[in-house]
PDB file of N, CA and C in Angstrom:
ATOM      1  N   UNK A   1     -12.648  10.072  -5.284  1.00  0.00           N
ATOM      2  CA  UNK A   1     -11.294  10.344  -5.706  1.00  0.00           C
ATOM      3  C   UNK A   1     -10.511  11.032  -4.593  1.00  0.00           C
ATOM      4  N   UNK A   2     -11.099  12.086  -4.019  1.00  0.00           N
ATOM      5  CA  UNK A   2     -10.418  12.792  -2.934  1.00  0.00           C
ATOM      6  C   UNK A   2     -10.301  11.912  -1.702  1.00  0.00           C
ATOM      7  N   UNK A   3     -11.305  11.063  -1.480  1.00  0.00           N
ATOM      8  CA  UNK A   3     -11.250  10.149  -0.341  1.00  0.00           C
ATOM      9  C   UNK A   3     -10.088   9.185  -0.506  1.00  0.00           C
ATOM     10  N   UNK A   4      -9.915   8.668  -1.710  1.00  0.00           N
ATOM     11  CA  UNK A   4      -8.808   7.755  -1.973  1.00  0.00           C
ATOM     12  C   UNK A   4      -7.480   8.438  -1.703  1.00  0.00           C
ATOM     13  N   UNK A   5      -7.331   9.653  -2.166  1.00  0.00           N
ATOM     14  CA  UNK A   5      -6.094  10.398  -1.933  1.00  0.00           C
ATOM     15  C   UNK A   5      -5.855  10.611  -0.445  1.00  0.00           C
ATOM     16  N   UNK A   6      -6.918  10.929   0.267  1.00  0.00           N
ATOM     17  CA  UNK A   6      -6.792  11.152   1.708  1.00  0.00           C
ATOM     18  C   UNK A   6      -6.377   9.870   2.418  1.00  0.00           C
ATOM     19  N   UNK A   7      -6.980   8.763   2.025  1.00  0.00           N
ATOM     20  CA  UNK A   7      -6.633   7.475   2.636  1.00  0.00           C
ATOM     21  C   UNK A   7      -5.190   7.124   2.342  1.00  0.00           C
ATOM     22  N   UNK A   8      -4.780   7.319   1.114  1.00  0.00           N
ATOM     23  CA  UNK A   8      -3.397   6.995   0.757  1.00  0.00           C
ATOM     24  C   UNK A   8      -2.400   7.938   1.421  1.00  0.00           C
ATOM     25  N   UNK A   9      -2.781   9.187   1.579  1.00  0.00           N
ATOM     26  CA  UNK A   9      -1.910  10.118   2.296  1.00  0.00           C
ATOM     27  C   UNK A   9      -1.768   9.680   3.743  1.00  0.00           C
ATOM     28  N   UNK A  10      -2.871   9.278   4.349  1.00  0.00           N
ATOM     29  CA  UNK A  10      -2.829   8.768   5.714  1.00  0.00           C
ATOM     30  C   UNK A  10      -1.934   7.539   5.779  1.00  0.00           C
ATOM     31  N   UNK A  11      -2.070   6.655   4.812  1.00  0.00           N
ATOM     32  CA  UNK A  11      -1.234   5.455   4.774  1.00  0.00           C
ATOM     33  C   UNK A  11       0.237   5.836   4.680  1.00  0.00           C
ATOM     34  N   UNK A  12       0.545   6.836   3.886  1.00  0.00           N
ATOM     35  CA  UNK A  12       1.929   7.297   3.750  1.00  0.00           C
ATOM     36  C   UNK A  12       2.466   7.790   5.091  1.00  0.00           C
ATOM     37  N   UNK A  13       1.667   8.582   5.777  1.00  0.00           N
ATOM     38  CA  UNK A  13       2.074   9.096   7.091  1.00  0.00           C
ATOM     39  C   UNK A  13       2.305   7.930   8.046  1.00  0.00           C
ATOM     40  N   UNK A  14       1.397   6.980   8.016  1.00  0.00           N
ATOM     41  CA  UNK A  14       1.522   5.808   8.880  1.00  0.00           C
ATOM     42  C   UNK A  14       2.784   5.028   8.536  1.00  0.00           C
ATOM     43  N   UNK A  15       3.018   4.828   7.250  1.00  0.00           N
ATOM     44  CA  UNK A  15       4.208   4.089   6.830  1.00  0.00           C
ATOM     45  C   UNK A  15       5.483   4.779   7.280  1.00  0.00           C
ATOM     46  N   UNK A  16       5.463   6.080   7.254  1.00  0.00           N
ATOM     47  CA  UNK A  16       6.654   6.842   7.610  1.00  0.00           C
ATOM     48  C   UNK A  16       6.875   6.880   9.114  1.00  0.00           C
ATOM     49  N   UNK A  17       5.834   6.648   9.890  1.00  0.00           N
ATOM     50  CA  UNK A  17       5.913   6.886  11.324  1.00  0.00           C
ATOM     51  C   UNK A  17       5.990   5.641  12.197  1.00  0.00           C
ATOM     52  N   UNK A  18       5.360   4.553  11.793  1.00  0.00           N
ATOM     53  CA  UNK A  18       5.154   3.521  12.787  1.00  0.00           C
ATOM     54  C   UNK A  18       5.095   2.123  12.185  1.00  0.00           C
ATOM     55  N   UNK A  19       6.002   1.278  12.607  1.00  0.00           N
ATOM     56  CA  UNK A  19       6.005  -0.097  12.141  1.00  0.00           C
ATOM     57  C   UNK A  19       4.742  -0.856  12.567  1.00  0.00           C
ATOM     58  N   UNK A  20       4.251  -0.712  13.810  1.00  0.00           N
ATOM     59  CA  UNK A  20       3.005  -1.400  14.165  1.00  0.00           C
ATOM     60  C   UNK A  20       1.831  -0.977  13.273  1.00  0.00           C
ATOM     61  N   UNK A  21       1.790   0.271  12.881  1.00  0.00           N
ATOM     62  CA  UNK A  21       0.716   0.733  12.007  1.00  0.00           C
ATOM     63  C   UNK A  21       0.857   0.123  10.614  1.00  0.00           C
ATOM     64  N   UNK A  22       2.080  -0.013  10.141  1.00  0.00           N
ATOM     65  CA  UNK A  22       2.314  -0.655   8.843  1.00  0.00           C
ATOM     66  C   UNK A  22       1.890  -2.117   8.928  1.00  0.00           C
ATOM     67  N   UNK A  23       2.218  -2.751  10.029  1.00  0.00           N
ATOM     68  CA  UNK A  23       1.805  -4.141  10.220  1.00  0.00           C
ATOM     69  C   UNK A  23       0.291  -4.264  10.177  1.00  0.00           C
ATOM     70  N   UNK A  24      -0.412  -3.315  10.767  1.00  0.00           N
ATOM     71  CA  UNK A  24      -1.876  -3.324  10.771  1.00  0.00           C
ATOM     72  C   UNK A  24      -2.415  -3.188   9.345  1.00  0.00           C
ATOM     73  N   UNK A  25      -1.857  -2.257   8.577  1.00  0.00           N
ATOM     74  CA  UNK A  25      -2.281  -2.089   7.179  1.00  0.00           C
ATOM     75  C   UNK A  25      -2.031  -3.362   6.370  1.00  0.00           C
ATOM     76  N   UNK A  26      -0.883  -3.973   6.593  1.00  0.00           N
ATOM     77  CA  UNK A  26      -0.529  -5.212   5.899  1.00  0.00           C
ATOM     78  C   UNK A  26      -1.532  -6.315   6.243  1.00  0.00           C
ATOM     79  N   UNK A  27      -1.814  -6.463   7.524  1.00  0.00           N
ATOM     80  CA  UNK A  27      -2.761  -7.498   7.958  1.00  0.00           C
ATOM     81  C   UNK A  27      -4.160  -7.241   7.408  1.00  0.00           C
ATOM     82  N   UNK A  28      -4.589  -5.995   7.408  1.00  0.00           N
ATOM     83  CA  UNK A  28      -5.909  -5.647   6.869  1.00  0.00           C
ATOM     84  C   UNK A  28      -5.980  -5.926   5.371  1.00  0.00           C
ATOM     85  N   UNK A  29      -4.914  -5.589   4.657  1.00  0.00           N
ATOM     86  CA  UNK A  29      -4.876  -5.837   3.218  1.00  0.00           C
ATOM     87  C   UNK A  29      -4.937  -7.345   2.943  1.00  0.00           C
ATOM     88  N   UNK A  30      -4.145  -8.140   3.685  1.00  0.00           N
ATOM     89  CA  UNK A  30      -4.158  -9.598   3.497  1.00  0.00           C
ATOM     90  C   UNK A  30      -5.542 -10.179   3.774  1.00  0.00           C
ATOM     91  N   UNK A  31      -6.173  -9.710   4.831  1.00  0.00           N
ATOM     92  CA  UNK A  31      -7.514 -10.202   5.170  1.00  0.00           C
ATOM     93  C   UNK A  31      -8.519  -9.836   4.093  1.00  0.00           C
ATOM     94  N   UNK A  32      -8.477  -8.593   3.658  1.00  0.00           N
ATOM     95  CA  UNK A  32      -9.414  -8.132   2.635  1.00  0.00           C
ATOM     96  C   UNK A  32      -9.317  -8.971   1.365  1.00  0.00           C
ATOM     97  N   UNK A  33      -8.108  -9.351   1.009  1.00  0.00           N
ATOM     98  CA  UNK A  33      -7.891 -10.059  -0.255  1.00  0.00           C
ATOM     99  C   UNK A  33      -7.676 -11.559  -0.077  1.00  0.00           C
ATOM    100  N   UNK A  34      -7.873 -12.059   1.136  1.00  0.00           N
ATOM    101  CA  UNK A  34      -7.775 -13.496   1.378  1.00  0.00           C
ATOM    102  C   UNK A  34      -6.399 -14.077   1.141  1.00  0.00           C
ATOM    103  N   UNK A  35      -5.379 -13.316   1.466  1.00  0.00           N
ATOM    104  CA  UNK A  35      -4.007 -13.768   1.205  1.00  0.00           C
ATOM    105  C   UNK A  35      -3.499 -14.658   2.338  1.00  0.00           C
ATOM    106  N   UNK A  36      -2.973 -15.821   1.942  1.00  0.00           N
ATOM    107  CA  UNK A  36      -2.348 -16.761   2.867  1.00  0.00           C
ATOM    108  C   UNK A  36      -1.087 -17.255   2.173  1.00  0.00           C
ATOM    109  N   UNK A  37       0.014 -17.239   2.885  1.00  0.00           N
ATOM    110  CA  UNK A  37       1.288 -17.634   2.296  1.00  0.00           C
ATOM    111  C   UNK A  37       1.796 -18.916   2.956  1.00  0.00           C
ATOM    112  N   UNK A  38       2.628 -19.663   2.231  1.00  0.00           N
ATOM    113  CA  UNK A  38       3.057 -20.985   2.679  1.00  0.00           C
ATOM    114  C   UNK A  38       4.089 -20.978   3.797  1.00  0.00           C
ATOM    115  N   UNK A  39       4.966 -19.986   3.816  1.00  0.00           N
ATOM    116  CA  UNK A  39       6.036 -19.993   4.816  1.00  0.00           C
ATOM    117  C   UNK A  39       6.537 -18.567   5.054  1.00  0.00           C
ATOM    118  N   UNK A  40       7.411 -18.431   6.028  1.00  0.00           N
ATOM    119  CA  UNK A  40       7.900 -17.110   6.405  1.00  0.00           C
ATOM    120  C   UNK A  40       8.705 -16.451   5.294  1.00  0.00           C
ATOM    121  N   UNK A  41       9.430 -17.233   4.521  1.00  0.00           N
ATOM    122  CA  UNK A  41      10.201 -16.680   3.407  1.00  0.00           C
ATOM    123  C   UNK A  41       9.268 -16.009   2.401  1.00  0.00           C
ATOM    124  N   UNK A  42       8.177 -16.684   2.074  1.00  0.00           N
ATOM    125  CA  UNK A  42       7.216 -16.099   1.133  1.00  0.00           C
ATOM    126  C   UNK A  42       6.524 -14.880   1.741  1.00  0.00           C
ATOM    127  N   UNK A  43       6.189 -14.954   3.017  1.00  0.00           N
ATOM    128  CA  UNK A  43       5.569 -13.811   3.702  1.00  0.00           C
ATOM    129  C   UNK A  43       6.485 -12.600   3.607  1.00  0.00           C
ATOM    130  N   UNK A  44       7.759 -12.794   3.930  1.00  0.00           N
ATOM    131  CA  UNK A  44       8.719 -11.679   3.908  1.00  0.00           C
ATOM    132  C   UNK A  44       8.856 -11.102   2.504  1.00  0.00           C
ATOM    133  N   UNK A  45       8.927 -11.976   1.504  1.00  0.00           N
ATOM    134  CA  UNK A  45       9.064 -11.524   0.129  1.00  0.00           C
ATOM    135  C   UNK A  45       7.826 -10.740  -0.306  1.00  0.00           C
ATOM    136  N   UNK A  46       6.648 -11.302  -0.068  1.00  0.00           N
ATOM    137  CA  UNK A  46       5.396 -10.644  -0.478  1.00  0.00           C
ATOM    138  C   UNK A  46       5.198  -9.332   0.264  1.00  0.00           C
ATOM    139  N   UNK A  47       5.577  -9.275   1.524  1.00  0.00           N
ATOM    140  CA  UNK A  47       5.457  -8.036   2.304  1.00  0.00           C
ATOM    141  C   UNK A  47       6.361  -6.955   1.703  1.00  0.00           C
ATOM    142  N   UNK A  48       7.576  -7.319   1.327  1.00  0.00           N
ATOM    143  CA  UNK A  48       8.497  -6.344   0.726  1.00  0.00           C
ATOM    144  C   UNK A  48       7.945  -5.824  -0.597  1.00  0.00           C
ATOM    145  N   UNK A  49       7.394  -6.711  -1.412  1.00  0.00           N
ATOM    146  CA  UNK A  49       6.796  -6.300  -2.686  1.00  0.00           C
ATOM    147  C   UNK A  49       5.607  -5.378  -2.424  1.00  0.00           C
ATOM    148  N   UNK A  50       4.765  -5.748  -1.466  1.00  0.00           N
ATOM    149  CA  UNK A  50       3.589  -4.937  -1.114  1.00  0.00           C
ATOM    150  C   UNK A  50       4.012  -3.539  -0.659  1.00  0.00           C
ATOM    151  N   UNK A  51       5.017  -3.460   0.202  1.00  0.00           N
ATOM    152  CA  UNK A  51       5.489  -2.155   0.682  1.00  0.00           C
ATOM    153  C   UNK A  51       6.019  -1.310  -0.474  1.00  0.00           C
ATOM    154  N   UNK A  52       6.767  -1.935  -1.381  1.00  0.00           N
ATOM    155  CA  UNK A  52       7.273  -1.208  -2.544  1.00  0.00           C
ATOM    156  C   UNK A  52       6.116  -0.662  -3.373  1.00  0.00           C
ATOM    157  N   UNK A  53       5.083  -1.464  -3.569  1.00  0.00           N
ATOM    158  CA  UNK A  53       3.923  -1.012  -4.336  1.00  0.00           C
ATOM    159  C   UNK A  53       3.124   0.063  -3.612  1.00  0.00           C
ATOM    160  N   UNK A  54       3.038  -0.028  -2.300  1.00  0.00           N
ATOM    161  CA  UNK A  54       2.374   1.032  -1.529  1.00  0.00           C
ATOM    162  C   UNK A  54       3.096   2.353  -1.761  1.00  0.00           C
ATOM    163  N   UNK A  55       4.415   2.323  -1.682  1.00  0.00           N
ATOM    164  CA  UNK A  55       5.194   3.553  -1.899  1.00  0.00           C
ATOM    165  C   UNK A  55       5.014   4.076  -3.322  1.00  0.00           C
ATOM    166  N   UNK A  56       4.986   3.179  -4.297  1.00  0.00           N
ATOM    167  CA  UNK A  56       4.788   3.592  -5.687  1.00  0.00           C
ATOM    168  C   UNK A  56       3.430   4.271  -5.858  1.00  0.00           C
ATOM    169  N   UNK A  57       2.380   3.676  -5.292  1.00  0.00           N
ATOM    170  CA  UNK A  57       1.030   4.250  -5.383  1.00  0.00           C
ATOM    171  C   UNK A  57       0.986   5.610  -4.703  1.00  0.00           C
ATOM    172  N   UNK A  58       1.562   5.696  -3.522  1.00  0.00           N
ATOM    173  CA  UNK A  58       1.543   6.965  -2.790  1.00  0.00           C
ATOM    174  C   UNK A  58       2.292   8.061  -3.552  1.00  0.00           C
ATOM    175  N   UNK A  59       3.456   7.713  -4.079  1.00  0.00           N
ATOM    176  CA  UNK A  59       4.242   8.697  -4.827  1.00  0.00           C
ATOM    177  C   UNK A  59       3.479   9.153  -6.077  1.00  0.00           C
ATOM    178  N   UNK A  60       2.942   8.200  -6.813  1.00  0.00           N
ATOM    179  CA  UNK A  60       2.194   8.537  -8.026  1.00  0.00           C
ATOM    180  C   UNK A  60       1.001   9.437  -7.689  1.00  0.00           C
ATOM    181  N   UNK A  61       0.249   9.074  -6.664  1.00  0.00           N
ATOM    182  CA  UNK A  61      -0.949   9.847  -6.329  1.00  0.00           C
ATOM    183  C   UNK A  61      -0.599  11.233  -5.793  1.00  0.00           C
ATOM    184  N   UNK A  62       0.526  11.340  -5.133  1.00  0.00           N
ATOM    185  CA  UNK A  62       0.982  12.664  -4.699  1.00  0.00           C
ATOM    186  C   UNK A  62       1.313  13.505  -5.930  1.00  0.00           C
ATOM    187  N   UNK A  63       1.968  12.922  -6.902  1.00  0.00           N
ATOM    188  CA  UNK A  63       2.266  13.624  -8.152  1.00  0.00           C
ATOM    189  C   UNK A  63       0.984  13.962  -8.898  1.00  0.00           C
ATOM    190  N   UNK A  64       0.007  13.062  -8.879  1.00  0.00           N
ATOM    191  CA  UNK A  64      -1.280  13.328  -9.537  1.00  0.00           C
ATOM    192  C   UNK A  64      -1.980  14.514  -8.874  1.00  0.00           C
ATOM    193  N   UNK A  65      -1.878  14.601  -7.568  1.00  0.00           N
ATOM    194  CA  UNK A  65      -2.477  15.733  -6.850  1.00  0.00           C
ATOM    195  C   UNK A  65      -1.823  17.054  -7.247  1.00  0.00           C
ATOM    196  N   UNK A  66      -0.556  16.967  -7.642  1.00  0.00           N
ATOM    197  CA  UNK A  66       0.177  18.158  -8.070  1.00  0.00           C
ATOM    198  C   UNK A  66      -0.029  18.443  -9.565  1.00  0.00           C
ATOM    199  N   UNK A  67      -0.853  17.624 -10.230  1.00  0.00           N
ATOM    200  CA  UNK A  67      -1.153  17.859 -11.634  1.00  0.00           C
ATOM    201  C   UNK A  67      -0.233  17.170 -12.617  1.00  0.00           C
ATOM    202  N   UNK A  68       0.671  16.344 -12.116  1.00  0.00           N
ATOM    203  CA  UNK A  68       1.631  15.681 -12.993  1.00  0.00           C
ATOM    204  C   UNK A  68       1.015  14.506 -13.755  1.00  0.00           C
ATOM    205  N   UNK A  69      -0.024  13.896 -13.179  1.00  0.00           N
ATOM    206  CA  UNK A  69      -0.720  12.782 -13.816  1.00  0.00           C
ATOM    207  C   UNK A  69      -2.211  13.077 -13.816  1.00  0.00           C
ATOM    208  N   UNK A  70      -2.922  12.475 -14.756  1.00  0.00           N
ATOM    209  CA  UNK A  70      -4.371  12.711 -14.853  1.00  0.00           C
ATOM    210  C   UNK A  70      -5.179  11.587 -14.205  1.00  0.00           C
ATOM    211  N   UNK A  71      -4.516  10.669 -13.521  1.00  0.00           N
ATOM    212  CA  UNK A  71      -5.210   9.550 -12.881  1.00  0.00           C
ATOM    213  C   UNK A  71      -4.489   9.174 -11.595  1.00  0.00           C
ATOM    214  N   UNK A  72      -5.199   8.468 -10.743  1.00  0.00           N
ATOM    215  CA  UNK A  72      -4.606   7.984  -9.506  1.00  0.00           C
ATOM    216  C   UNK A  72      -4.542   6.465  -9.532  1.00  0.00           C
ATOM    217  N   UNK A  73      -3.737   5.924  -8.653  1.00  0.00           N
ATOM    218  CA  UNK A  73      -3.586   4.478  -8.515  1.00  0.00           C
ATOM    219  C   UNK A  73      -4.132   4.031  -7.171  1.00  0.00           C
ATOM    220  N   UNK A  74      -4.321   2.737  -7.027  1.00  0.00           N
ATOM    221  CA  UNK A  74      -4.760   2.160  -5.761  1.00  0.00           C
ATOM    222  C   UNK A  74      -4.189   0.764  -5.624  1.00  0.00           C
ATOM    223  N   UNK A  75      -4.374   0.178  -4.446  1.00  0.00           N
ATOM    224  CA  UNK A  75      -3.907  -1.179  -4.194  1.00  0.00           C
ATOM    225  C   UNK A  75      -5.045  -2.157  -4.451  1.00  0.00           C
ATOM    226  N   UNK A  76      -4.726  -3.246  -5.133  1.00  0.00           N
ATOM    227  CA  UNK A  76      -5.714  -4.290  -5.343  1.00  0.00           C
ATOM    228  C   UNK A  76      -5.133  -5.622  -4.876  1.00  0.00           C
ATOM    229  N   UNK A  77      -5.748  -6.711  -5.274  1.00  0.00           N
ATOM    230  CA  UNK A  77      -5.321  -8.034  -4.839  1.00  0.00           C
ATOM    231  C   UNK A  77      -3.955  -8.446  -5.402  1.00  0.00           C
ATOM    232  N   UNK A  78      -3.420  -7.683  -6.319  1.00  0.00           N
ATOM    233  CA  UNK A  78      -2.122  -8.000  -6.920  1.00  0.00           C
ATOM    234  C   UNK A  78      -0.971  -7.186  -6.336  1.00  0.00           C
ATOM    235  N   UNK A  79      -1.220  -6.425  -5.301  1.00  0.00           N
ATOM    236  CA  UNK A  79      -0.199  -5.527  -4.749  1.00  0.00           C
ATOM    237  C   UNK A  79       0.990  -6.263  -4.143  1.00  0.00           C
ATOM    238  N   UNK A  80       0.883  -7.561  -3.958  1.00  0.00           N
ATOM    239  CA  UNK A  80       2.006  -8.332  -3.415  1.00  0.00           C
ATOM    240  C   UNK A  80       2.775  -9.079  -4.510  1.00  0.00           C
ATOM    241  N   UNK A  81       2.530  -8.720  -5.755  1.00  0.00           N
ATOM    242  CA  UNK A  81       3.176  -9.429  -6.867  1.00  0.00           C
ATOM    243  C   UNK A  81       4.137  -8.538  -7.617  1.00  0.00           C
TER     244      UNK A  81
END
């Protein structure tokens, strides 16, 4: 649980600091989940959805760390939907 929070906190820092690092996280996530998209329009759309979900997970887990929620969230194969 704490490891997940630490990883997500690191991801948040990376997202806030560096586009190449965000690109790396995106590529790693796509590889892990076998994601392949048909064209650049779909890639751009799915990337935007994924980024929105990353921010949602990070915000929720930060609130959970502060005691506002009793559970944490994570990214799965549906994070681009």
